[in-house]
C-alpha atoms as a PDB file:
ATOM      1  CA  MET A   1      -5.973-259.078 139.472  1.00  0.00           C
ATOM      2  CA  ALA A   2      -5.307-260.809 135.549  1.00  0.00           C
ATOM      3  CA  SER A   3      -4.906-264.145 137.679  1.00  0.00           C
ATOM      4  CA  THR A   4      -7.379-263.973 139.853  1.00  0.00           C
ATOM      5  CA  SER A   5     -10.119-263.826 136.799  1.00  0.00           C
ATOM      6  CA  GLN A   6      -7.495-266.643 134.587  1.00  0.00           C
ATOM      7  CA  ALA A   7      -8.152-268.541 137.760  1.00  0.00           C
ATOM      8  CA  PHE A   8     -11.772-267.668 137.664  1.00  0.00           C
ATOM      9  CA  PHE A   9     -12.172-268.450 134.402  1.00  0.00           C
ATOM     10  CA  ALA A  10     -10.527-271.774 134.393  1.00  0.00           C
ATOM     11  CA  GLN A  11     -12.802-272.462 137.253  1.00  0.00           C
ATOM     12  CA  VAL A  12     -16.125-271.491 135.206  1.00  0.00           C
ATOM     13  CA  TYR A  13     -14.591-273.641 132.079  1.00  0.00           C
ATOM     14  CA  ASP A  14     -14.119-276.612 134.347  1.00  0.00           C
ATOM     15  CA  LEU A  15     -17.593-276.766 135.636  1.00  0.00           C
ATOM     16  CA  VAL A  16     -19.283-276.133 132.553  1.00  0.00           C
ATOM     17  CA  SER A  17     -17.560-278.614 131.074  1.00  0.00           C
ATOM     18  CA  GLN A  18     -19.380-280.871 133.277  1.00  0.00           C
ATOM     19  CA  VAL A  19     -22.994-279.808 132.297  1.00  0.00           C
ATOM     20  CA  PRO A  20     -24.044-283.546 129.966  1.00  0.00           C
ATOM     21  CA  HIS A  21     -25.120-283.177 126.807  1.00  0.00           C
ATOM     22  CA  GLY A  22     -29.232-282.360 126.779  1.00  0.00           C
ATOM     23  CA  GLN A  23     -29.097-281.164 130.093  1.00  0.00           C
ATOM     24  CA  VAL A  24     -28.368-276.974 131.259  1.00  0.00           C
ATOM     25  CA  ALA A  25     -27.150-274.442 133.918  1.00  0.00           C
ATOM     26  CA  THR A  26     -27.734-271.185 134.625  1.00  0.00           C
ATOM     27  CA  TYR A  27     -25.006-268.907 135.236  1.00  0.00           C
ATOM     28  CA  GLY A  28     -26.474-267.804 138.332  1.00  0.00           C
ATOM     29  CA  GLN A  29     -26.107-271.536 139.030  1.00  0.00           C
ATOM     30  CA  ILE A  30     -22.486-271.442 137.472  1.00  0.00           C
ATOM     31  CA  ALA A  31     -21.824-268.952 139.882  1.00  0.00           C
ATOM     32  CA  HIS A  32     -23.426-270.458 142.239  1.00  0.00           C
ATOM     33  CA  LEU A  33     -21.272-273.546 142.391  1.00  0.00           C
ATOM     34  CA  LEU A  34     -18.227-272.156 142.296  1.00  0.00           C
ATOM     35  CA  GLY A  35     -18.930-270.070 145.724  1.00  0.00           C
ATOM     36  CA  LYS A  36     -19.558-266.421 143.846  1.00  0.00           C
ATOM     37  CA  PRO A  37     -23.594-266.120 143.741  1.00  0.00           C
ATOM     38  CA  ARG A  38     -23.456-263.026 142.925  1.00  0.00           C
ATOM     39  CA  ALA A  39     -21.245-262.987 140.047  1.00  0.00           C
ATOM     40  CA  ALA A  40     -23.394-264.590 136.819  1.00  0.00           C
ATOM     41  CA  ARG A  41     -21.941-261.994 134.615  1.00  0.00           C
ATOM     42  CA  ALA A  42     -18.756-262.999 134.874  1.00  0.00           C
ATOM     43  CA  VAL A  43     -19.692-265.642 134.559  1.00  0.00           C
ATOM     44  CA  GLY A  44     -21.560-264.353 131.075  1.00  0.00           C
ATOM     45  CA  TYR A  45     -18.208-262.862 130.941  1.00  0.00           C
ATOM     46  CA  ALA A  46     -15.958-265.805 130.946  1.00  0.00           C
ATOM     47  CA  LEU A  47     -17.788-267.918 128.403  1.00  0.00           C
ATOM     48  CA  ALA A  48     -18.426-265.035 125.816  1.00  0.00           C
ATOM     49  CA  HIS A  49     -13.756-265.109 125.539  1.00  0.00           C
ATOM     50  CA  LEU A  50     -13.546-268.832 124.674  1.00  0.00           C
ATOM     51  CA  PRO A  51     -11.381-269.390 121.879  1.00  0.00           C
ATOM     52  CA  SER A  52     -14.118-270.275 118.858  1.00  0.00           C
ATOM     53  CA  ASP A  53     -12.449-274.096 119.001  1.00  0.00           C
ATOM     54  CA  SER A  54     -13.527-274.513 122.501  1.00  0.00           C
ATOM     55  CA  MET A  55     -14.158-277.964 123.746  1.00  0.00           C
ATOM     56  CA  VAL A  56     -16.103-276.107 126.752  1.00  0.00           C
ATOM     57  CA  PRO A  57     -19.896-276.730 125.983  1.00  0.00           C
ATOM     58  CA  TRP A  58     -20.807-273.269 126.513  1.00  0.00           C
ATOM     59  CA  HIS A  59     -24.268-273.080 125.209  1.00  0.00           C
ATOM     60  CA  ARG A  60     -25.727-275.375 127.648  1.00  0.00           C
ATOM     61  CA  VAL A  61     -25.602-272.742 129.329  1.00  0.00           C
ATOM     62  CA  VAL A  62     -28.533-269.861 129.872  1.00  0.00           C
ATOM     63  CA  ASN A  63     -29.805-267.512 131.963  1.00  0.00           C
ATOM     64  CA  GLN A  64     -32.357-267.716 134.702  1.00  0.00           C
ATOM     65  CA  GLU A  65     -35.412-267.423 132.724  1.00  0.00           C
ATOM     66  CA  GLY A  66     -34.547-270.827 130.545  1.00  0.00           C
ATOM     67  CA  ARG A  67     -33.473-268.285 127.781  1.00  0.00           C
ATOM     68  CA  VAL A  68     -30.693-268.115 125.232  1.00  0.00           C
ATOM     69  CA  SER A  69     -28.977-264.856 126.077  1.00  0.00           C
ATOM     70  CA  PRO A  70     -28.207-262.711 123.280  1.00  0.00           C
ATOM     71  CA  ARG A  71     -24.367-261.668 122.929  1.00  0.00           C
ATOM     72  CA  GLY A  72     -23.166-258.377 121.319  1.00  0.00           C
ATOM     73  CA  VAL A  73     -25.104-256.749 118.618  1.00  0.00           C
ATOM     74  CA  GLY A  74     -27.386-259.292 116.878  1.00  0.00           C
ATOM     75  CA  THR A  75     -28.776-262.420 117.084  1.00  0.00           C
ATOM     76  CA  LEU A  76     -26.596-264.921 115.850  1.00  0.00           C
ATOM     77  CA  PRO A  77     -24.682-266.423 118.535  1.00  0.00           C
ATOM     78  CA  GLY A  78     -28.355-266.194 120.440  1.00  0.00           C
ATOM     79  CA  ASP A  79     -29.120-267.793 117.329  1.00  0.00           C
ATOM     80  CA  ARG A  80     -25.777-270.694 116.924  1.00  0.00           C
ATOM     81  CA  GLN A  81     -26.540-271.688 120.993  1.00  0.00           C
ATOM     82  CA  ARG A  82     -30.575-272.190 120.109  1.00  0.00           C
ATOM     83  CA  ALA A  83     -29.366-274.273 117.076  1.00  0.00           C
ATOM     84  CA  LEU A  84     -26.668-276.742 119.252  1.00  0.00           C
ATOM     85  CA  LEU A  85     -29.380-276.704 121.987  1.00  0.00           C
ATOM     86  CA  GLU A  86     -32.039-278.033 119.279  1.00  0.00           C
ATOM     87  CA  HIS A  87     -29.163-280.444 118.156  1.00  0.00           C
ATOM     88  CA  GLU A  88     -28.722-281.911 121.617  1.00  0.00           C
ATOM     89  CA  GLY A  89     -33.047-282.255 121.677  1.00  0.00           C
ATOM     90  CA  ILE A  90     -33.888-279.699 124.282  1.00  0.00           C
ATOM     91  CA  ARG A  91     -37.032-277.842 122.954  1.00  0.00           C
ATOM     92  CA  PHE A  92     -37.750-274.249 123.048  1.00  0.00           C
ATOM     93  CA  ASP A  93     -41.869-272.830 123.964  1.00  0.00           C
ATOM     94  CA  ALA A  94     -43.345-270.392 122.037  1.00  0.00           C
ATOM     95  CA  GLU A  95     -41.417-267.733 123.880  1.00  0.00           C
ATOM     96  CA  GLY A  96     -38.007-269.089 123.233  1.00  0.00           C
ATOM     97  CA  ARG A  97     -38.429-270.920 127.119  1.00  0.00           C
ATOM     98  CA  LEU A  98     -36.555-274.161 128.156  1.00  0.00           C
ATOM     99  CA  ASP A  99     -37.974-276.401 130.431  1.00  0.00           C
ATOM    100  CA  LEU A 100     -35.418-275.212 133.345  1.00  0.00           C
ATOM    101  CA  ARG A 101     -37.980-278.199 135.689  1.00  0.00           C
ATOM    102  CA  ARG A 102     -36.560-280.400 133.002  1.00  0.00           C
ATOM    103  CA  LEU A 103     -33.802-279.509 131.808  1.00  0.00           C
ATOM    104  CA  ARG A 104     -31.499-278.117 134.369  1.00  0.00           C
ATOM    105  CA  TRP A 105     -28.297-279.767 135.579  1.00  0.00           C
ATOM    106  CA  GLN A 106     -28.218-280.825 139.279  1.00  0.00           C
ATOM    107  CA  GLY A 107     -24.894-279.790 139.591  1.00  0.00           C
ATOM    108  CA  PRO A 108     -21.794-281.803 140.316  1.00  0.00           C
ATOM    109  CA  ASP A 109     -22.177-283.954 142.993  1.00  0.00           C
ATOM    110  CA  ALA A 110     -25.742-285.482 142.072  1.00  0.00           C
ATOM    111  CA  ASP A 111     -26.116-288.528 141.731  1.00  0.00           C
END
């Protein structure tokens, strides 16, 4: 079972690494693209377990509402994610949402 989880995590990391600067994907979108449409939470779990020095752009994955999902206790990780996205030129509205229609990555096969 651990090897299955490790393989899934590796697939998540590979796919998330393809999300371009200034664009985002959702947890559900990543799961769907991996052929596991019911595994959105597992995608989040995989990203939460990245080493702190990882080059995987975990911050480019948001929830289905276009919001940064809180991680753990407190707001610091969410604040960090938002700051990283804002540094890439992504803006949030007054409710803390970004424009998924405009910013959503279309996937690895999009031209």
